[in-house]
Amino acid sequence: KKACTLKNNTPYKVKVVCEGANIKVYVDDALVLDYTDSTPWLHGMAGLRYSGGTTLYDNLKITKID
């Protein structure tokens, strides 16, 4: 796990890759989180959540990994 400090009013490219129970999060193509969930939900919906301010999401794209 790497430290990830984000600045206000700065656009970032965020990519989340979920394969089975493993979740990887990239910010500007740098891996910032690699987590394996011990009790994963392998079906359902996608969601975005931010706490502590105002956030704008643009160009959201969700694709299935074959």
PDB file of N, CA and C in Angstrom:
ATOM      1  N   LYS A   1       0.853  -1.180   0.000  1.00  0.00           N
ATOM      2  CA  LYS A   1       0.000   0.000   0.000  1.00  0.00           C
ATOM      3  C   LYS A   1       0.893   1.236   0.000  1.00  0.00           C
ATOM      4  N   LYS A   2       0.607   2.164  -0.896  1.00  0.00           N
ATOM      5  CA  LYS A   2       1.363   3.406  -0.978  1.00  0.00           C
ATOM      6  C   LYS A   2       0.516   4.557  -0.458  1.00  0.00           C
ATOM      7  N   ALA A   3       1.178   5.575   0.060  1.00  0.00           N
ATOM      8  CA  ALA A   3       0.460   6.778   0.470  1.00  0.00           C
ATOM      9  C   ALA A   3      -0.051   7.486  -0.776  1.00  0.00           C
ATOM     10  N   CYS A   4      -1.238   8.015  -0.675  1.00  0.00           N
ATOM     11  CA  CYS A   4      -1.841   8.710  -1.806  1.00  0.00           C
ATOM     12  C   CYS A   4      -2.445  10.014  -1.293  1.00  0.00           C
ATOM     13  N   THR A   5      -1.792  11.111  -1.595  1.00  0.00           N
ATOM     14  CA  THR A   5      -2.283  12.419  -1.193  1.00  0.00           C
ATOM     15  C   THR A   5      -2.850  13.114  -2.420  1.00  0.00           C
ATOM     16  N   LEU A   6      -4.113  13.487  -2.351  1.00  0.00           N
ATOM     17  CA  LEU A   6      -4.775  14.154  -3.472  1.00  0.00           C
ATOM     18  C   LEU A   6      -4.962  15.627  -3.147  1.00  0.00           C
ATOM     19  N   LYS A   7      -4.797  16.466  -4.164  1.00  0.00           N
ATOM     20  CA  LYS A   7      -4.925  17.910  -3.987  1.00  0.00           C
ATOM     21  C   LYS A   7      -6.301  18.374  -4.439  1.00  0.00           C
ATOM     22  N   ASN A   8      -6.808  19.410  -3.795  1.00  0.00           N
ATOM     23  CA  ASN A   8      -8.082  20.019  -4.199  1.00  0.00           C
ATOM     24  C   ASN A   8      -7.960  20.623  -5.595  1.00  0.00           C
ATOM     25  N   ASN A   9      -9.076  20.645  -6.316  1.00  0.00           N
ATOM     26  CA  ASN A   9      -9.166  21.273  -7.640  1.00  0.00           C
ATOM     27  C   ASN A   9      -8.147  20.725  -8.629  1.00  0.00           C
ATOM     28  N   THR A  10      -7.835  19.445  -8.503  1.00  0.00           N
ATOM     29  CA  THR A  10      -6.881  18.786  -9.388  1.00  0.00           C
ATOM     30  C   THR A  10      -7.540  17.536  -9.956  1.00  0.00           C
ATOM     31  N   PRO A  11      -7.568  17.393 -11.281  1.00  0.00           N
ATOM     32  CA  PRO A  11      -8.163  16.186 -11.860  1.00  0.00           C
ATOM     33  C   PRO A  11      -7.215  14.991 -11.738  1.00  0.00           C
ATOM     34  N   TYR A  12      -7.795  13.842 -11.469  1.00  0.00           N
ATOM     35  CA  TYR A  12      -7.036  12.602 -11.373  1.00  0.00           C
ATOM     36  C   TYR A  12      -7.726  11.524 -12.201  1.00  0.00           C
ATOM     37  N   LYS A  13      -6.943  10.641 -12.769  1.00  0.00           N
ATOM     38  CA  LYS A  13      -7.477   9.461 -13.446  1.00  0.00           C
ATOM     39  C   LYS A  13      -7.446   8.334 -12.408  1.00  0.00           C
ATOM     40  N   VAL A  14      -8.620   7.805 -12.085  1.00  0.00           N
ATOM     41  CA  VAL A  14      -8.725   6.725 -11.106  1.00  0.00           C
ATOM     42  C   VAL A  14      -9.240   5.481 -11.807  1.00  0.00           C
ATOM     43  N   LYS A  15      -8.562   4.371 -11.598  1.00  0.00           N
ATOM     44  CA  LYS A  15      -8.956   3.091 -12.205  1.00  0.00           C
ATOM     45  C   LYS A  15      -9.052   2.055 -11.092  1.00  0.00           C
ATOM     46  N   VAL A  16     -10.169   1.337 -11.062  1.00  0.00           N
ATOM     47  CA  VAL A  16     -10.375   0.264 -10.091  1.00  0.00           C
ATOM     48  C   VAL A  16     -10.555  -1.033 -10.863  1.00  0.00           C
ATOM     49  N   VAL A  17      -9.764  -2.038 -10.526  1.00  0.00           N
ATOM     50  CA  VAL A  17      -9.838  -3.337 -11.193  1.00  0.00           C
ATOM     51  C   VAL A  17     -10.206  -4.378 -10.145  1.00  0.00           C
ATOM     52  N   CYS A  18     -11.354  -5.039 -10.351  1.00  0.00           N
ATOM     53  CA  CYS A  18     -11.816  -6.085  -9.440  1.00  0.00           C
ATOM     54  C   CYS A  18     -11.775  -7.414 -10.168  1.00  0.00           C
ATOM     55  N   GLU A  19     -11.000  -8.343  -9.651  1.00  0.00           N
ATOM     56  CA  GLU A  19     -10.926  -9.689 -10.213  1.00  0.00           C
ATOM     57  C   GLU A  19     -11.128 -10.671  -9.072  1.00  0.00           C
ATOM     58  N   GLY A  20     -12.315 -11.296  -9.042  1.00  0.00           N
ATOM     59  CA  GLY A  20     -12.647 -12.165  -7.928  1.00  0.00           C
ATOM     60  C   GLY A  20     -12.682 -11.352  -6.646  1.00  0.00           C
ATOM     61  N   ALA A  21     -11.946 -11.795  -5.645  1.00  0.00           N
ATOM     62  CA  ALA A  21     -11.924 -11.102  -4.360  1.00  0.00           C
ATOM     63  C   ALA A  21     -10.862 -10.001  -4.300  1.00  0.00           C
ATOM     64  N   ASN A  22     -10.055  -9.859  -5.359  1.00  0.00           N
ATOM     65  CA  ASN A  22      -8.975  -8.877  -5.359  1.00  0.00           C
ATOM     66  C   ASN A  22      -9.410  -7.555  -5.976  1.00  0.00           C
ATOM     67  N   ILE A  23      -9.041  -6.461  -5.310  1.00  0.00           N
ATOM     68  CA  ILE A  23      -9.352  -5.101  -5.768  1.00  0.00           C
ATOM     69  C   ILE A  23      -8.049  -4.328  -5.858  1.00  0.00           C
ATOM     70  N   LYS A  24      -7.792  -3.746  -7.021  1.00  0.00           N
ATOM     71  CA  LYS A  24      -6.630  -2.883  -7.200  1.00  0.00           C
ATOM     72  C   LYS A  24      -7.120  -1.496  -7.573  1.00  0.00           C
ATOM     73  N   VAL A  25      -6.527  -0.473  -6.966  1.00  0.00           N
ATOM     74  CA  VAL A  25      -6.890   0.915  -7.253  1.00  0.00           C
ATOM     75  C   VAL A  25      -5.637   1.636  -7.745  1.00  0.00           C
ATOM     76  N   TYR A  26      -5.800   2.319  -8.880  1.00  0.00           N
ATOM     77  CA  TYR A  26      -4.709   3.090  -9.477  1.00  0.00           C
ATOM     78  C   TYR A  26      -5.123   4.558  -9.522  1.00  0.00           C
ATOM     79  N   VAL A  27      -4.206   5.453  -9.217  1.00  0.00           N
ATOM     80  CA  VAL A  27      -4.420   6.891  -9.374  1.00  0.00           C
ATOM     81  C   VAL A  27      -3.329   7.380 -10.317  1.00  0.00           C
ATOM     82  N   ASP A  28      -3.755   7.940 -11.450  1.00  0.00           N
ATOM     83  CA  ASP A  28      -2.810   8.366 -12.489  1.00  0.00           C
ATOM     84  C   ASP A  28      -1.829   7.248 -12.827  1.00  0.00           C
ATOM     85  N   ASP A  29      -2.363   6.043 -12.997  1.00  0.00           N
ATOM     86  CA  ASP A  29      -1.630   4.827 -13.390  1.00  0.00           C
ATOM     87  C   ASP A  29      -0.674   4.277 -12.332  1.00  0.00           C
ATOM     88  N   ALA A  30      -0.651   4.846 -11.132  1.00  0.00           N
ATOM     89  CA  ALA A  30       0.179   4.326 -10.043  1.00  0.00           C
ATOM     90  C   ALA A  30      -0.693   3.492  -9.108  1.00  0.00           C
ATOM     91  N   LEU A  31      -0.279   2.267  -8.825  1.00  0.00           N
ATOM     92  CA  LEU A  31      -1.022   1.399  -7.911  1.00  0.00           C
ATOM     93  C   LEU A  31      -0.955   1.974  -6.504  1.00  0.00           C
ATOM     94  N   VAL A  32      -2.119   2.273  -5.915  1.00  0.00           N
ATOM     95  CA  VAL A  32      -2.155   2.829  -4.557  1.00  0.00           C
ATOM     96  C   VAL A  32      -2.825   1.882  -3.564  1.00  0.00           C
ATOM     97  N   LEU A  33      -3.525   0.850  -4.071  1.00  0.00           N
ATOM     98  CA  LEU A  33      -4.169  -0.102  -3.169  1.00  0.00           C
ATOM     99  C   LEU A  33      -4.281  -1.448  -3.871  1.00  0.00           C
ATOM    100  N   ASP A  34      -3.877  -2.505  -3.180  1.00  0.00           N
ATOM    101  CA  ASP A  34      -4.030  -3.879  -3.657  1.00  0.00           C
ATOM    102  C   ASP A  34      -4.585  -4.663  -2.477  1.00  0.00           C
ATOM    103  N   TYR A  35      -5.880  -5.010  -2.537  1.00  0.00           N
ATOM    104  CA  TYR A  35      -6.579  -5.583  -1.395  1.00  0.00           C
ATOM    105  C   TYR A  35      -7.338  -6.827  -1.819  1.00  0.00           C
ATOM    106  N   THR A  36      -7.263  -7.865  -1.015  1.00  0.00           N
ATOM    107  CA  THR A  36      -8.065  -9.068  -1.242  1.00  0.00           C
ATOM    108  C   THR A  36      -9.058  -9.196  -0.100  1.00  0.00           C
ATOM    109  N   ASP A  37     -10.342  -9.180  -0.451  1.00  0.00           N
ATOM    110  CA  ASP A  37     -11.437  -9.226   0.511  1.00  0.00           C
ATOM    111  C   ASP A  37     -11.669 -10.669   0.949  1.00  0.00           C
ATOM    112  N   SER A  38     -11.737 -10.908   2.246  1.00  0.00           N
ATOM    113  CA  SER A  38     -11.933 -12.268   2.754  1.00  0.00           C
ATOM    114  C   SER A  38     -13.380 -12.742   2.599  1.00  0.00           C
ATOM    115  N   THR A  39     -14.318 -11.820   2.437  1.00  0.00           N
ATOM    116  CA  THR A  39     -15.728 -12.180   2.227  1.00  0.00           C
ATOM    117  C   THR A  39     -16.307 -11.296   1.109  1.00  0.00           C
ATOM    118  N   PRO A  40     -15.862 -11.525  -0.124  1.00  0.00           N
ATOM    119  CA  PRO A  40     -16.269 -10.627  -1.220  1.00  0.00           C
ATOM    120  C   PRO A  40     -17.704 -10.842  -1.665  1.00  0.00           C
ATOM    121  N   TRP A  41     -18.303  -9.772  -2.184  1.00  0.00           N
ATOM    122  CA  TRP A  41     -19.572  -9.852  -2.906  1.00  0.00           C
ATOM    123  C   TRP A  41     -19.181  -9.907  -4.369  1.00  0.00           C
ATOM    124  N   LEU A  42     -19.436 -11.001  -5.015  1.00  0.00           N
ATOM    125  CA  LEU A  42     -18.978 -11.189  -6.389  1.00  0.00           C
ATOM    126  C   LEU A  42     -20.051 -10.845  -7.415  1.00  0.00           C
ATOM    127  N   HIS A  43     -21.114 -10.194  -6.986  1.00  0.00           N
ATOM    128  CA  HIS A  43     -22.164  -9.740  -7.893  1.00  0.00           C
ATOM    129  C   HIS A  43     -22.798  -8.492  -7.286  1.00  0.00           C
ATOM    130  N   GLY A  44     -23.529  -7.775  -8.084  1.00  0.00           N
ATOM    131  CA  GLY A  44     -24.194  -6.600  -7.530  1.00  0.00           C
ATOM    132  C   GLY A  44     -23.999  -5.359  -8.371  1.00  0.00           C
ATOM    133  N   MET A  45     -23.818  -4.227  -7.700  1.00  0.00           N
ATOM    134  CA  MET A  45     -23.730  -2.936  -8.372  1.00  0.00           C
ATOM    135  C   MET A  45     -22.393  -2.261  -8.076  1.00  0.00           C
ATOM    136  N   ALA A  46     -22.099  -1.255  -8.874  1.00  0.00           N
ATOM    137  CA  ALA A  46     -20.922  -0.417  -8.631  1.00  0.00           C
ATOM    138  C   ALA A  46     -21.376   0.868  -7.962  1.00  0.00           C
ATOM    139  N   GLY A  47     -20.524   1.437  -7.135  1.00  0.00           N
ATOM    140  CA  GLY A  47     -20.863   2.690  -6.484  1.00  0.00           C
ATOM    141  C   GLY A  47     -19.618   3.518  -6.220  1.00  0.00           C
ATOM    142  N   LEU A  48     -19.818   4.806  -6.080  1.00  0.00           N
ATOM    143  CA  LEU A  48     -18.727   5.726  -5.759  1.00  0.00           C
ATOM    144  C   LEU A  48     -19.078   6.468  -4.485  1.00  0.00           C
ATOM    145  N   ARG A  49     -18.090   6.645  -3.630  1.00  0.00           N
ATOM    146  CA  ARG A  49     -18.325   7.347  -2.374  1.00  0.00           C
ATOM    147  C   ARG A  49     -17.097   8.185  -2.040  1.00  0.00           C
ATOM    148  N   TYR A  50     -17.355   9.374  -1.581  1.00  0.00           N
ATOM    149  CA  TYR A  50     -16.280  10.256  -1.128  1.00  0.00           C
ATOM    150  C   TYR A  50     -16.742  10.921   0.155  1.00  0.00           C
ATOM    151  N   SER A  51     -15.844  11.049   1.094  1.00  0.00           N
ATOM    152  CA  SER A  51     -16.196  11.640   2.377  1.00  0.00           C
ATOM    153  C   SER A  51     -15.298  12.834   2.651  1.00  0.00           C
ATOM    154  N   GLY A  52     -15.889  13.941   3.045  1.00  0.00           N
ATOM    155  CA  GLY A  52     -15.096  15.063   3.496  1.00  0.00           C
ATOM    156  C   GLY A  52     -14.964  16.217   2.534  1.00  0.00           C
ATOM    157  N   GLY A  53     -15.856  16.343   1.575  1.00  0.00           N
ATOM    158  CA  GLY A  53     -15.747  17.473   0.662  1.00  0.00           C
ATOM    159  C   GLY A  53     -16.641  17.314  -0.547  1.00  0.00           C
ATOM    160  N   THR A  54     -16.300  18.024  -1.588  1.00  0.00           N
ATOM    161  CA  THR A  54     -17.053  17.974  -2.840  1.00  0.00           C
ATOM    162  C   THR A  54     -16.216  17.263  -3.887  1.00  0.00           C
ATOM    163  N   THR A  55     -16.841  16.373  -4.632  1.00  0.00           N
ATOM    164  CA  THR A  55     -16.140  15.614  -5.651  1.00  0.00           C
ATOM    165  C   THR A  55     -16.935  15.637  -6.946  1.00  0.00           C
ATOM    166  N   LEU A  56     -16.231  15.674  -8.056  1.00  0.00           N
ATOM    167  CA  LEU A  56     -16.842  15.610  -9.382  1.00  0.00           C
ATOM    168  C   LEU A  56     -16.293  14.393 -10.093  1.00  0.00           C
ATOM    169  N   TYR A  57     -17.188  13.551 -10.577  1.00  0.00           N
ATOM    170  CA  TYR A  57     -16.792  12.389 -11.366  1.00  0.00           C
ATOM    171  C   TYR A  57     -17.161  12.671 -12.813  1.00  0.00           C
ATOM    172  N   ASP A  58     -16.243  12.399 -13.721  1.00  0.00           N
ATOM    173  CA  ASP A  58     -16.460  12.674 -15.136  1.00  0.00           C
ATOM    174  C   ASP A  58     -15.988  11.466 -15.940  1.00  0.00           C
ATOM    175  N   ASN A  59     -16.728  11.142 -16.995  1.00  0.00           N
ATOM    176  CA  ASN A  59     -16.338  10.052 -17.899  1.00  0.00           C
ATOM    177  C   ASN A  59     -16.244   8.700 -17.189  1.00  0.00           C
ATOM    178  N   LEU A  60     -17.235   8.379 -16.365  1.00  0.00           N
ATOM    179  CA  LEU A  60     -17.267   7.106 -15.662  1.00  0.00           C
ATOM    180  C   LEU A  60     -17.538   5.994 -16.662  1.00  0.00           C
ATOM    181  N   LYS A  61     -16.719   4.943 -16.609  1.00  0.00           N
ATOM    182  CA  LYS A  61     -16.882   3.814 -17.515  1.00  0.00           C
ATOM    183  C   LYS A  61     -16.719   2.529 -16.701  1.00  0.00           C
ATOM    184  N   ILE A  62     -17.679   1.625 -16.831  1.00  0.00           N
ATOM    185  CA  ILE A  62     -17.626   0.350 -16.130  1.00  0.00           C
ATOM    186  C   ILE A  62     -17.641  -0.746 -17.188  1.00  0.00           C
ATOM    187  N   THR A  63     -16.651  -1.632 -17.169  1.00  0.00           N
ATOM    188  CA  THR A  63     -16.588  -2.710 -18.137  1.00  0.00           C
ATOM    189  C   THR A  63     -16.353  -4.042 -17.426  1.00  0.00           C
ATOM    190  N   LYS A  64     -16.853  -5.092 -18.036  1.00  0.00           N
ATOM    191  CA  LYS A  64     -16.684  -6.445 -17.505  1.00  0.00           C
ATOM    192  C   LYS A  64     -15.344  -7.001 -17.981  1.00  0.00           C
ATOM    193  N   ILE A  65     -14.623  -7.629 -17.066  1.00  0.00           N
ATOM    194  CA  ILE A  65     -13.375  -8.294 -17.425  1.00  0.00           C
ATOM    195  C   ILE A  65     -13.728  -9.731 -17.771  1.00  0.00           C
ATOM    196  N   ASP A  66     -13.349 -10.168 -18.951  1.00  0.00           N
ATOM    197  CA  ASP A  66     -13.631 -11.560 -19.363  1.00  0.00           C
ATOM    198  C   ASP A  66     -12.565 -12.505 -18.874  1.00  0.00           C
TER     199      ASP A  66
END
